[in-house]
Amino acid sequence: ELENQLAAKSKTLDELKQSLALNGSAEQTPEAQSLRIAELYEMMDSTIVTEVCCLQVAQLKASMQSILEQWRAYDDIYAEVSLMTARYLYCIEQCKPGEEASLEALKKQVKTLK
């Protein structure tokens, strides 16, 4: 939207410059020329402000894109870590000795795990 505004203001500024150049002859009074010049400077200031805003928006867009990529990487890594944690918890749960901590019970559990 700001880029469109900038294009429109630049076009208006060009039109004012052309109008000033075409009408800058002796037909216009000095007061009228002064008003046109003041109008031209006002449009130029407005255009500069819009350009600065466009640059800031572009920088913000690039920054937000980078942040979005970092969050995507974080989500991928988080999902992988969550899966690994669930696997380890399952393994730990399976490896807990039951009520019987005898050598025979442990051998049976090792055989089951294999």
PDB file of N, CA and C in Angstrom:
ATOM      1  N   GLU A   1       0.826  -1.194   0.000  1.00  0.00           N
ATOM      2  CA  GLU A   1       0.000   0.000   0.000  1.00  0.00           C
ATOM      3  C   GLU A   1       0.868   1.255   0.000  1.00  0.00           C
ATOM      4  N   LEU A   2       1.916   1.225   0.826  1.00  0.00           N
ATOM      5  CA  LEU A   2       2.826   2.377   0.853  1.00  0.00           C
ATOM      6  C   LEU A   2       3.548   2.550  -0.473  1.00  0.00           C
ATOM      7  N   GLU A   3       3.897   1.440  -1.107  1.00  0.00           N
ATOM      8  CA  GLU A   3       4.560   1.522  -2.406  1.00  0.00           C
ATOM      9  C   GLU A   3       3.630   2.148  -3.449  1.00  0.00           C
ATOM     10  N   ASN A   4       2.348   1.814  -3.374  1.00  0.00           N
ATOM     11  CA  ASN A   4       1.381   2.410  -4.294  1.00  0.00           C
ATOM     12  C   ASN A   4       1.232   3.907  -4.031  1.00  0.00           C
ATOM     13  N   GLN A   5       1.206   4.277  -2.755  1.00  0.00           N
ATOM     14  CA  GLN A   5       1.119   5.694  -2.405  1.00  0.00           C
ATOM     15  C   GLN A   5       2.339   6.444  -2.920  1.00  0.00           C
ATOM     16  N   LEU A   6       3.500   5.827  -2.775  1.00  0.00           N
ATOM     17  CA  LEU A   6       4.730   6.456  -3.247  1.00  0.00           C
ATOM     18  C   LEU A   6       4.680   6.668  -4.756  1.00  0.00           C
ATOM     19  N   ALA A   7       4.215   5.678  -5.476  1.00  0.00           N
ATOM     20  CA  ALA A   7       4.116   5.805  -6.932  1.00  0.00           C
ATOM     21  C   ALA A   7       3.146   6.922  -7.310  1.00  0.00           C
ATOM     22  N   ALA A   8       2.015   6.995  -6.610  1.00  0.00           N
ATOM     23  CA  ALA A   8       1.025   8.038  -6.908  1.00  0.00           C
ATOM     24  C   ALA A   8       1.581   9.421  -6.601  1.00  0.00           C
ATOM     25  N   LYS A   9       2.267   9.552  -5.487  1.00  0.00           N
ATOM     26  CA  LYS A   9       2.830  10.857  -5.118  1.00  0.00           C
ATOM     27  C   LYS A   9       3.959  11.250  -6.065  1.00  0.00           C
ATOM     28  N   SER A  10       4.748  10.285  -6.493  1.00  0.00           N
ATOM     29  CA  SER A  10       5.811  10.582  -7.454  1.00  0.00           C
ATOM     30  C   SER A  10       5.217  11.061  -8.771  1.00  0.00           C
ATOM     31  N   LYS A  11       4.127  10.425  -9.177  1.00  0.00           N
ATOM     32  CA  LYS A  11       3.460  10.832 -10.414  1.00  0.00           C
ATOM     33  C   LYS A  11       2.915  12.257 -10.279  1.00  0.00           C
ATOM     34  N   THR A  12       2.297  12.538  -9.149  1.00  0.00           N
ATOM     35  CA  THR A  12       1.768  13.881  -8.912  1.00  0.00           C
ATOM     36  C   THR A  12       2.895  14.908  -8.899  1.00  0.00           C
ATOM     37  N   LEU A  13       4.003  14.542  -8.285  1.00  0.00           N
ATOM     38  CA  LEU A  13       5.162  15.431  -8.234  1.00  0.00           C
ATOM     39  C   LEU A  13       5.686  15.708  -9.641  1.00  0.00           C
ATOM     40  N   ASP A  14       5.763  14.686 -10.457  1.00  0.00           N
ATOM     41  CA  ASP A  14       6.203  14.879 -11.848  1.00  0.00           C
ATOM     42  C   ASP A  14       5.234  15.783 -12.615  1.00  0.00           C
ATOM     43  N   GLU A  15       3.949  15.582 -12.390  1.00  0.00           N
ATOM     44  CA  GLU A  15       2.948  16.422 -13.045  1.00  0.00           C
ATOM     45  C   GLU A  15       3.094  17.883 -12.622  1.00  0.00           C
ATOM     46  N   LEU A  16       3.346  18.093 -11.338  1.00  0.00           N
ATOM     47  CA  LEU A  16       3.536  19.465 -10.856  1.00  0.00           C
ATOM     48  C   LEU A  16       4.777  20.101 -11.474  1.00  0.00           C
ATOM     49  N   LYS A  17       5.835  19.314 -11.576  1.00  0.00           N
ATOM     50  CA  LYS A  17       7.058  19.835 -12.197  1.00  0.00           C
ATOM     51  C   LYS A  17       6.800  20.220 -13.649  1.00  0.00           C
ATOM     52  N   GLN A  18       6.104  19.361 -14.378  1.00  0.00           N
ATOM     53  CA  GLN A  18       5.796  19.646 -15.782  1.00  0.00           C
ATOM     54  C   GLN A  18       4.892  20.870 -15.896  1.00  0.00           C
ATOM     55  N   SER A  19       3.918  20.936 -15.006  1.00  0.00           N
ATOM     56  CA  SER A  19       2.998  22.068 -15.022  1.00  0.00           C
ATOM     57  C   SER A  19       3.741  23.368 -14.730  1.00  0.00           C
ATOM     58  N   LEU A  20       4.657  23.307 -13.784  1.00  0.00           N
ATOM     59  CA  LEU A  20       5.440  24.492 -13.431  1.00  0.00           C
ATOM     60  C   LEU A  20       6.336  24.892 -14.596  1.00  0.00           C
ATOM     61  N   ALA A  21       6.894  23.900 -15.269  1.00  0.00           N
ATOM     62  CA  ALA A  21       7.773  24.195 -16.398  1.00  0.00           C
ATOM     63  C   ALA A  21       6.983  24.792 -17.566  1.00  0.00           C
ATOM     64  N   LEU A  22       5.791  24.251 -17.825  1.00  0.00           N
ATOM     65  CA  LEU A  22       4.978  24.738 -18.925  1.00  0.00           C
ATOM     66  C   LEU A  22       4.358  26.098 -18.633  1.00  0.00           C
ATOM     67  N   ASN A  23       3.945  26.280 -17.402  1.00  0.00           N
ATOM     68  CA  ASN A  23       3.266  27.519 -17.025  1.00  0.00           C
ATOM     69  C   ASN A  23       4.209  28.532 -16.395  1.00  0.00           C
ATOM     70  N   GLY A  24       5.458  28.253 -16.435  1.00  0.00           N
ATOM     71  CA  GLY A  24       6.426  29.124 -15.781  1.00  0.00           C
ATOM     72  C   GLY A  24       6.754  30.354 -16.597  1.00  0.00           C
ATOM     73  N   SER A  25       6.041  30.589 -17.628  1.00  0.00           N
ATOM     74  CA  SER A  25       6.320  31.752 -18.475  1.00  0.00           C
ATOM     75  C   SER A  25       5.813  33.018 -17.800  1.00  0.00           C
ATOM     76  N   ALA A  26       5.826  34.096 -18.522  1.00  0.00           N
ATOM     77  CA  ALA A  26       5.438  35.403 -17.980  1.00  0.00           C
ATOM     78  C   ALA A  26       3.947  35.489 -17.712  1.00  0.00           C
ATOM     79  N   GLU A  27       3.167  34.466 -18.113  1.00  0.00           N
ATOM     80  CA  GLU A  27       1.725  34.501 -17.908  1.00  0.00           C
ATOM     81  C   GLU A  27       1.372  34.492 -16.422  1.00  0.00           C
ATOM     82  N   GLN A  28       2.160  33.791 -15.619  1.00  0.00           N
ATOM     83  CA  GLN A  28       1.843  33.675 -14.200  1.00  0.00           C
ATOM     84  C   GLN A  28       2.474  34.812 -13.421  1.00  0.00           C
ATOM     85  N   THR A  29       1.770  35.205 -12.400  1.00  0.00           N
ATOM     86  CA  THR A  29       2.296  36.254 -11.528  1.00  0.00           C
ATOM     87  C   THR A  29       3.321  35.630 -10.603  1.00  0.00           C
ATOM     88  N   PRO A  30       4.198  36.417 -10.040  1.00  0.00           N
ATOM     89  CA  PRO A  30       5.173  35.881  -9.088  1.00  0.00           C
ATOM     90  C   PRO A  30       4.507  35.232  -7.878  1.00  0.00           C
ATOM     91  N   GLU A  31       3.372  35.759  -7.460  1.00  0.00           N
ATOM     92  CA  GLU A  31       2.659  35.170  -6.309  1.00  0.00           C
ATOM     93  C   GLU A  31       2.155  33.760  -6.659  1.00  0.00           C
ATOM     94  N   ALA A  32       1.623  33.628  -7.872  1.00  0.00           N
ATOM     95  CA  ALA A  32       1.125  32.317  -8.304  1.00  0.00           C
ATOM     96  C   ALA A  32       2.270  31.324  -8.432  1.00  0.00           C
ATOM     97  N   GLN A  33       3.394  31.791  -8.945  1.00  0.00           N
ATOM     98  CA  GLN A  33       4.568  30.911  -9.055  1.00  0.00           C
ATOM     99  C   GLN A  33       5.071  30.516  -7.671  1.00  0.00           C
ATOM    100  N   SER A  34       5.050  31.448  -6.735  1.00  0.00           N
ATOM    101  CA  SER A  34       5.475  31.138  -5.363  1.00  0.00           C
ATOM    102  C   SER A  34       4.569  30.082  -4.746  1.00  0.00           C
ATOM    103  N   LEU A  35       3.268  30.214  -4.988  1.00  0.00           N
ATOM    104  CA  LEU A  35       2.330  29.210  -4.470  1.00  0.00           C
ATOM    105  C   LEU A  35       2.584  27.848  -5.100  1.00  0.00           C
ATOM    106  N   ARG A  36       2.857  27.830  -6.393  1.00  0.00           N
ATOM    107  CA  ARG A  36       3.143  26.560  -7.071  1.00  0.00           C
ATOM    108  C   ARG A  36       4.431  25.936  -6.529  1.00  0.00           C
ATOM    109  N   ILE A  37       5.436  26.773  -6.314  1.00  0.00           N
ATOM    110  CA  ILE A  37       6.702  26.261  -5.781  1.00  0.00           C
ATOM    111  C   ILE A  37       6.504  25.717  -4.382  1.00  0.00           C
ATOM    112  N   ALA A  38       5.738  26.409  -3.549  1.00  0.00           N
ATOM    113  CA  ALA A  38       5.459  25.930  -2.186  1.00  0.00           C
ATOM    114  C   ALA A  38       4.713  24.597  -2.240  1.00  0.00           C
ATOM    115  N   GLU A  39       3.757  24.492  -3.166  1.00  0.00           N
ATOM    116  CA  GLU A  39       3.004  23.248  -3.343  1.00  0.00           C
ATOM    117  C   GLU A  39       3.936  22.119  -3.778  1.00  0.00           C
ATOM    118  N   LEU A  40       4.858  22.443  -4.655  1.00  0.00           N
ATOM    119  CA  LEU A  40       5.829  21.466  -5.140  1.00  0.00           C
ATOM    120  C   LEU A  40       6.720  20.970  -4.007  1.00  0.00           C
ATOM    121  N   TYR A  41       7.192  21.895  -3.167  1.00  0.00           N
ATOM    122  CA  TYR A  41       8.028  21.492  -2.033  1.00  0.00           C
ATOM    123  C   TYR A  41       7.240  20.641  -1.031  1.00  0.00           C
ATOM    124  N   GLU A  42       5.998  20.974  -0.831  1.00  0.00           N
ATOM    125  CA  GLU A  42       5.167  20.190   0.080  1.00  0.00           C
ATOM    126  C   GLU A  42       4.994  18.765  -0.436  1.00  0.00           C
ATOM    127  N   MET A  43       4.757  18.648  -1.732  1.00  0.00           N
ATOM    128  CA  MET A  43       4.631  17.318  -2.321  1.00  0.00           C
ATOM    129  C   MET A  43       5.947  16.549  -2.236  1.00  0.00           C
ATOM    130  N   MET A  44       7.053  17.238  -2.420  1.00  0.00           N
ATOM    131  CA  MET A  44       8.353  16.595  -2.345  1.00  0.00           C
ATOM    132  C   MET A  44       8.610  16.090  -0.919  1.00  0.00           C
ATOM    133  N   ASP A  45       8.275  16.903   0.077  1.00  0.00           N
ATOM    134  CA  ASP A  45       8.440  16.474   1.473  1.00  0.00           C
ATOM    135  C   ASP A  45       7.572  15.261   1.772  1.00  0.00           C
ATOM    136  N   SER A  46       6.348  15.283   1.288  1.00  0.00           N
ATOM    137  CA  SER A  46       5.435  14.163   1.502  1.00  0.00           C
ATOM    138  C   SER A  46       5.972  12.894   0.838  1.00  0.00           C
ATOM    139  N   THR A  47       6.551  13.051  -0.343  1.00  0.00           N
ATOM    140  CA  THR A  47       7.124  11.911  -1.061  1.00  0.00           C
ATOM    141  C   THR A  47       8.315  11.334  -0.313  1.00  0.00           C
ATOM    142  N   ILE A  48       9.149  12.197   0.235  1.00  0.00           N
ATOM    143  CA  ILE A  48      10.315  11.729   0.993  1.00  0.00           C
ATOM    144  C   ILE A  48       9.873  10.945   2.217  1.00  0.00           C
ATOM    145  N   VAL A  49       8.858  11.445   2.922  1.00  0.00           N
ATOM    146  CA  VAL A  49       8.341  10.741   4.100  1.00  0.00           C
ATOM    147  C   VAL A  49       7.809   9.369   3.696  1.00  0.00           C
ATOM    148  N   THR A  50       7.102   9.326   2.583  1.00  0.00           N
ATOM    149  CA  THR A  50       6.560   8.049   2.109  1.00  0.00           C
ATOM    150  C   THR A  50       7.682   7.090   1.737  1.00  0.00           C
ATOM    151  N   GLU A  51       8.744   7.589   1.118  1.00  0.00           N
ATOM    152  CA  GLU A  51       9.887   6.737   0.762  1.00  0.00           C
ATOM    153  C   GLU A  51      10.532   6.154   2.015  1.00  0.00           C
ATOM    154  N   VAL A  52      10.684   6.983   3.036  1.00  0.00           N
ATOM    155  CA  VAL A  52      11.279   6.515   4.294  1.00  0.00           C
ATOM    156  C   VAL A  52      10.401   5.428   4.899  1.00  0.00           C
ATOM    157  N   CYS A  53       9.096   5.642   4.878  1.00  0.00           N
ATOM    158  CA  CYS A  53       8.175   4.628   5.399  1.00  0.00           C
ATOM    159  C   CYS A  53       8.288   3.328   4.612  1.00  0.00           C
ATOM    160  N   CYS A  54       8.404   3.448   3.302  1.00  0.00           N
ATOM    161  CA  CYS A  54       8.536   2.245   2.466  1.00  0.00           C
ATOM    162  C   CYS A  54       9.812   1.484   2.802  1.00  0.00           C
ATOM    163  N   LEU A  55      10.888   2.207   3.019  1.00  0.00           N
ATOM    164  CA  LEU A  55      12.149   1.553   3.385  1.00  0.00           C
ATOM    165  C   LEU A  55      12.023   0.853   4.736  1.00  0.00           C
ATOM    166  N   GLN A  56      11.374   1.513   5.688  1.00  0.00           N
ATOM    167  CA  GLN A  56      11.188   0.901   7.000  1.00  0.00           C
ATOM    168  C   GLN A  56      10.313  -0.341   6.911  1.00  0.00           C
ATOM    169  N   VAL A  57       9.271  -0.276   6.099  1.00  0.00           N
ATOM    170  CA  VAL A  57       8.401  -1.439   5.919  1.00  0.00           C
ATOM    171  C   VAL A  57       9.177  -2.583   5.275  1.00  0.00           C
ATOM    172  N   ALA A  58      10.020  -2.280   4.302  1.00  0.00           N
ATOM    173  CA  ALA A  58      10.820  -3.322   3.652  1.00  0.00           C
ATOM    174  C   ALA A  58      11.786  -3.968   4.646  1.00  0.00           C
ATOM    175  N   GLN A  59      12.405  -3.144   5.491  1.00  0.00           N
ATOM    176  CA  GLN A  59      13.314  -3.687   6.502  1.00  0.00           C
ATOM    177  C   GLN A  59      12.556  -4.545   7.498  1.00  0.00           C
ATOM    178  N   LEU A  60      11.390  -4.091   7.914  1.00  0.00           N
ATOM    179  CA  LEU A  60      10.574  -4.853   8.851  1.00  0.00           C
ATOM    180  C   LEU A  60      10.130  -6.171   8.239  1.00  0.00           C
ATOM    181  N   LYS A  61       9.776  -6.133   6.969  1.00  0.00           N
ATOM    182  CA  LYS A  61       9.359  -7.351   6.273  1.00  0.00           C
ATOM    183  C   LYS A  61      10.494  -8.374   6.233  1.00  0.00           C
ATOM    184  N   ALA A  62      11.700  -7.907   5.924  1.00  0.00           N
ATOM    185  CA  ALA A  62      12.860  -8.809   5.886  1.00  0.00           C
ATOM    186  C   ALA A  62      13.136  -9.379   7.271  1.00  0.00           C
ATOM    187  N   SER A  63      13.037  -8.537   8.280  1.00  0.00           N
ATOM    188  CA  SER A  63      13.278  -8.980   9.651  1.00  0.00           C
ATOM    189  C   SER A  63      12.237 -10.009  10.083  1.00  0.00           C
ATOM    190  N   MET A  64      10.982  -9.755   9.763  1.00  0.00           N
ATOM    191  CA  MET A  64       9.924 -10.685  10.131  1.00  0.00           C
ATOM    192  C   MET A  64      10.067 -12.010   9.391  1.00  0.00           C
ATOM    193  N   GLN A  65      10.536 -11.965   8.153  1.00  0.00           N
ATOM    194  CA  GLN A  65      10.757 -13.196   7.392  1.00  0.00           C
ATOM    195  C   GLN A  65      11.836 -14.038   8.066  1.00  0.00           C
ATOM    196  N   SER A  66      12.891 -13.376   8.510  1.00  0.00           N
ATOM    197  CA  SER A  66      13.969 -14.074   9.205  1.00  0.00           C
ATOM    198  C   SER A  66      13.463 -14.696  10.508  1.00  0.00           C
ATOM    199  N   ILE A  67      12.659 -13.948  11.236  1.00  0.00           N
ATOM    200  CA  ILE A  67      12.103 -14.460  12.499  1.00  0.00           C
ATOM    201  C   ILE A  67      11.196 -15.654  12.229  1.00  0.00           C
ATOM    202  N   LEU A  68      10.395 -15.566  11.180  1.00  0.00           N
ATOM    203  CA  LEU A  68       9.510 -16.671  10.823  1.00  0.00           C
ATOM    204  C   LEU A  68      10.300 -17.932  10.492  1.00  0.00           C
ATOM    205  N   GLU A  69      11.395 -17.808   9.765  1.00  0.00           N
ATOM    206  CA  GLU A  69      12.245 -18.955   9.448  1.00  0.00           C
ATOM    207  C   GLU A  69      12.856 -19.551  10.715  1.00  0.00           C
ATOM    208  N   GLN A  70      13.260 -18.693  11.643  1.00  0.00           N
ATOM    209  CA  GLN A  70      13.824 -19.189  12.894  1.00  0.00           C
ATOM    210  C   GLN A  70      12.781 -19.942  13.713  1.00  0.00           C
ATOM    211  N   TRP A  71      11.534 -19.454  13.744  1.00  0.00           N
ATOM    212  CA  TRP A  71      10.479 -20.151  14.466  1.00  0.00           C
ATOM    213  C   TRP A  71      10.172 -21.496  13.816  1.00  0.00           C
ATOM    214  N   ARG A  72      10.211 -21.554  12.504  1.00  0.00           N
ATOM    215  CA  ARG A  72       9.977 -22.833  11.820  1.00  0.00           C
ATOM    216  C   ARG A  72      11.059 -23.839  12.193  1.00  0.00           C
ATOM    217  N   ALA A  73      12.311 -23.385  12.225  1.00  0.00           N
ATOM    218  CA  ALA A  73      13.413 -24.269  12.620  1.00  0.00           C
ATOM    219  C   ALA A  73      13.217 -24.724  14.066  1.00  0.00           C
ATOM    220  N   TYR A  74      12.804 -23.799  14.930  1.00  0.00           N
ATOM    221  CA  TYR A  74      12.554 -24.139  16.334  1.00  0.00           C
ATOM    222  C   TYR A  74      11.458 -25.195  16.439  1.00  0.00           C
ATOM    223  N   ASP A  75      10.362 -25.016  15.693  1.00  0.00           N
ATOM    224  CA  ASP A  75       9.268 -25.979  15.733  1.00  0.00           C
ATOM    225  C   ASP A  75       9.725 -27.362  15.283  1.00  0.00           C
ATOM    226  N   ASP A  76      10.536 -27.415  14.230  1.00  0.00           N
ATOM    227  CA  ASP A  76      11.045 -28.706  13.750  1.00  0.00           C
ATOM    228  C   ASP A  76      11.908 -29.384  14.805  1.00  0.00           C
ATOM    229  N   ILE A  77      12.814 -28.636  15.394  1.00  0.00           N
ATOM    230  CA  ILE A  77      13.705 -29.196  16.416  1.00  0.00           C
ATOM    231  C   ILE A  77      12.915 -29.606  17.655  1.00  0.00           C
ATOM    232  N   TYR A  78      11.923 -28.784  18.036  1.00  0.00           N
ATOM    233  CA  TYR A  78      11.103 -29.106  19.203  1.00  0.00           C
ATOM    234  C   TYR A  78      10.346 -30.413  18.985  1.00  0.00           C
ATOM    235  N   ALA A  79       9.802 -30.604  17.802  1.00  0.00           N
ATOM    236  CA  ALA A  79       9.072 -31.842  17.499  1.00  0.00           C
ATOM    237  C   ALA A  79      10.009 -33.043  17.584  1.00  0.00           C
ATOM    238  N   GLU A  80      11.225 -32.880  17.059  1.00  0.00           N
ATOM    239  CA  GLU A  80      12.201 -33.977  17.104  1.00  0.00           C
ATOM    240  C   GLU A  80      12.594 -34.305  18.549  1.00  0.00           C
ATOM    241  N   VAL A  81      12.844 -33.285  19.342  1.00  0.00           N
ATOM    242  CA  VAL A  81      13.223 -33.499  20.754  1.00  0.00           C
ATOM    243  C   VAL A  81      12.071 -34.134  21.524  1.00  0.00           C
ATOM    244  N   SER A  82      10.844 -33.703  21.251  1.00  0.00           N
ATOM    245  CA  SER A  82       9.683 -34.292  21.932  1.00  0.00           C
ATOM    246  C   SER A  82       9.556 -35.775  21.620  1.00  0.00           C
ATOM    247  N   LEU A  83       9.761 -36.121  20.361  1.00  0.00           N
ATOM    248  CA  LEU A  83       9.688 -37.529  19.968  1.00  0.00           C
ATOM    249  C   LEU A  83      10.786 -38.348  20.652  1.00  0.00           C
ATOM    250  N   MET A  84      11.988 -37.813  20.675  1.00  0.00           N
ATOM    251  CA  MET A  84      13.095 -38.519  21.327  1.00  0.00           C
ATOM    252  C   MET A  84      12.829 -38.679  22.825  1.00  0.00           C
ATOM    253  N   THR A  85      12.277 -37.665  23.441  1.00  0.00           N
ATOM    254  CA  THR A  85      11.966 -37.730  24.881  1.00  0.00           C
ATOM    255  C   THR A  85      10.924 -38.817  25.149  1.00  0.00           C
ATOM    256  N   ALA A  86       9.919 -38.874  24.300  1.00  0.00           N
ATOM    257  CA  ALA A  86       8.892 -39.908  24.477  1.00  0.00           C
ATOM    258  C   ALA A  86       9.504 -41.298  24.332  1.00  0.00           C
ATOM    259  N   ARG A  87      10.396 -41.456  23.370  1.00  0.00           N
ATOM    260  CA  ARG A  87      11.058 -42.760  23.189  1.00  0.00           C
ATOM    261  C   ARG A  87      11.890 -43.133  24.411  1.00  0.00           C
ATOM    262  N   TYR A  88      12.641 -42.174  24.940  1.00  0.00           N
ATOM    263  CA  TYR A  88      13.482 -42.449  26.114  1.00  0.00           C
ATOM    264  C   TYR A  88      12.629 -42.777  27.334  1.00  0.00           C
ATOM    265  N   LEU A  89      11.530 -42.057  27.503  1.00  0.00           N
ATOM    266  CA  LEU A  89      10.645 -42.348  28.635  1.00  0.00           C
ATOM    267  C   LEU A  89      10.061 -43.753  28.520  1.00  0.00           C
ATOM    268  N   TYR A  90       9.712 -44.153  27.307  1.00  0.00           N
ATOM    269  CA  TYR A  90       9.197 -45.502  27.094  1.00  0.00           C
ATOM    270  C   TYR A  90      10.262 -46.545  27.445  1.00  0.00           C
ATOM    271  N   CYS A  91      11.490 -46.289  26.973  1.00  0.00           N
ATOM    272  CA  CYS A  91      12.579 -47.233  27.266  1.00  0.00           C
ATOM    273  C   CYS A  91      12.846 -47.325  28.766  1.00  0.00           C
ATOM    274  N   ILE A  92      12.847 -46.203  29.428  1.00  0.00           N
ATOM    275  CA  ILE A  92      13.085 -46.202  30.879  1.00  0.00           C
ATOM    276  C   ILE A  92      11.983 -46.963  31.595  1.00  0.00           C
ATOM    277  N   GLU A  93      10.745 -46.747  31.139  1.00  0.00           N
ATOM    278  CA  GLU A  93       9.618 -47.441  31.752  1.00  0.00           C
ATOM    279  C   GLU A  93       9.726 -48.949  31.558  1.00  0.00           C
ATOM    280  N   GLN A  94      10.192 -49.365  30.383  1.00  0.00           N
ATOM    281  CA  GLN A  94      10.325 -50.789  30.100  1.00  0.00           C
ATOM    282  C   GLN A  94      11.487 -51.419  30.858  1.00  0.00           C
ATOM    283  N   CYS A  95      12.486 -50.619  31.177  1.00  0.00           N
ATOM    284  CA  CYS A  95      13.678 -51.163  31.827  1.00  0.00           C
ATOM    285  C   CYS A  95      13.571 -51.193  33.346  1.00  0.00           C
ATOM    286  N   LYS A  96      12.525 -50.634  33.911  1.00  0.00           N
ATOM    287  CA  LYS A  96      12.378 -50.632  35.371  1.00  0.00           C
ATOM    288  C   LYS A  96      12.177 -52.063  35.852  1.00  0.00           C
ATOM    289  N   PRO A  97      12.907 -52.402  36.890  1.00  0.00           N
ATOM    290  CA  PRO A  97      12.684 -53.745  37.430  1.00  0.00           C
ATOM    291  C   PRO A  97      11.329 -53.799  38.129  1.00  0.00           C
ATOM    292  N   GLY A  98      10.694 -54.933  38.009  1.00  0.00           N
ATOM    293  CA  GLY A  98       9.389 -55.108  38.654  1.00  0.00           C
ATOM    294  C   GLY A  98       9.557 -55.310  40.148  1.00  0.00           C
ATOM    295  N   GLU A  99       8.562 -55.893  40.728  1.00  0.00           N
ATOM    296  CA  GLU A  99       8.615 -56.141  42.165  1.00  0.00           C
ATOM    297  C   GLU A  99       9.720 -57.150  42.483  1.00  0.00           C
ATOM    298  N   GLU A 100       9.943 -58.057  41.567  1.00  0.00           N
ATOM    299  CA  GLU A 100      11.000 -59.037  41.764  1.00  0.00           C
ATOM    300  C   GLU A 100      12.283 -58.480  41.159  1.00  0.00           C
ATOM    301  N   ALA A 101      13.302 -58.358  41.940  1.00  0.00           N
ATOM    302  CA  ALA A 101      14.579 -57.864  41.451  1.00  0.00           C
ATOM    303  C   ALA A 101      15.597 -58.999  41.415  1.00  0.00           C
ATOM    304  N   SER A 102      15.102 -60.168  41.217  1.00  0.00           N
ATOM    305  CA  SER A 102      15.996 -61.321  41.210  1.00  0.00           C
ATOM    306  C   SER A 102      16.758 -61.398  39.900  1.00  0.00           C
ATOM    307  N   LEU A 103      17.820 -62.136  39.922  1.00  0.00           N
ATOM    308  CA  LEU A 103      18.641 -62.312  38.742  1.00  0.00           C
ATOM    309  C   LEU A 103      17.848 -62.984  37.633  1.00  0.00           C
ATOM    310  N   GLU A 104      17.026 -63.926  37.994  1.00  0.00           N
ATOM    311  CA  GLU A 104      16.216 -64.642  37.012  1.00  0.00           C
ATOM    312  C   GLU A 104      15.208 -63.704  36.339  1.00  0.00           C
ATOM    313  N   ALA A 105      14.577 -62.831  37.120  1.00  0.00           N
ATOM    314  CA  ALA A 105      13.596 -61.880  36.565  1.00  0.00           C
ATOM    315  C   ALA A 105      14.289 -60.890  35.627  1.00  0.00           C
ATOM    316  N   LEU A 106      15.488 -60.447  35.985  1.00  0.00           N
ATOM    317  CA  LEU A 106      16.235 -59.514  35.134  1.00  0.00           C
ATOM    318  C   LEU A 106      16.650 -60.182  33.826  1.00  0.00           C
ATOM    319  N   LYS A 107      17.072 -61.436  33.886  1.00  0.00           N
ATOM    320  CA  LYS A 107      17.432 -62.164  32.673  1.00  0.00           C
ATOM    321  C   LYS A 107      16.232 -62.308  31.744  1.00  0.00           C
ATOM    322  N   LYS A 108      15.074 -62.572  32.341  1.00  0.00           N
ATOM    323  CA  LYS A 108      13.853 -62.704  31.557  1.00  0.00           C
ATOM    324  C   LYS A 108      13.513 -61.389  30.880  1.00  0.00           C
ATOM    325  N   GLN A 109      13.679 -60.288  31.594  1.00  0.00           N
ATOM    326  CA  GLN A 109      13.366 -58.973  31.029  1.00  0.00           C
ATOM    327  C   GLN A 109      14.345 -58.618  29.892  1.00  0.00           C
ATOM    328  N   VAL A 110      15.637 -58.945  30.054  1.00  0.00           N
ATOM    329  CA  VAL A 110      16.627 -58.712  29.009  1.00  0.00           C
ATOM    330  C   VAL A 110      16.270 -59.511  27.773  1.00  0.00           C
ATOM    331  N   LYS A 111      15.822 -60.754  27.970  1.00  0.00           N
ATOM    332  CA  LYS A 111      15.432 -61.607  26.852  1.00  0.00           C
ATOM    333  C   LYS A 111      14.224 -61.009  26.159  1.00  0.00           C
ATOM    334  N   THR A 112      13.266 -60.495  26.931  1.00  0.00           N
ATOM    335  CA  THR A 112      12.067 -59.879  26.351  1.00  0.00           C
ATOM    336  C   THR A 112      12.441 -58.626  25.536  1.00  0.00           C
ATOM    337  N   LEU A 113      13.334 -57.829  26.059  1.00  0.00           N
ATOM    338  CA  LEU A 113      13.740 -56.612  25.370  1.00  0.00           C
ATOM    339  C   LEU A 113      14.492 -56.930  24.068  1.00  0.00           C
ATOM    340  N   LYS A 114      15.296 -57.973  24.108  1.00  0.00           N
ATOM    341  CA  LYS A 114      16.019 -58.362  22.884  1.00  0.00           C
ATOM    342  C   LYS A 114      15.058 -58.823  21.829  1.00  0.00           C
TER     343      LYS A 114
END
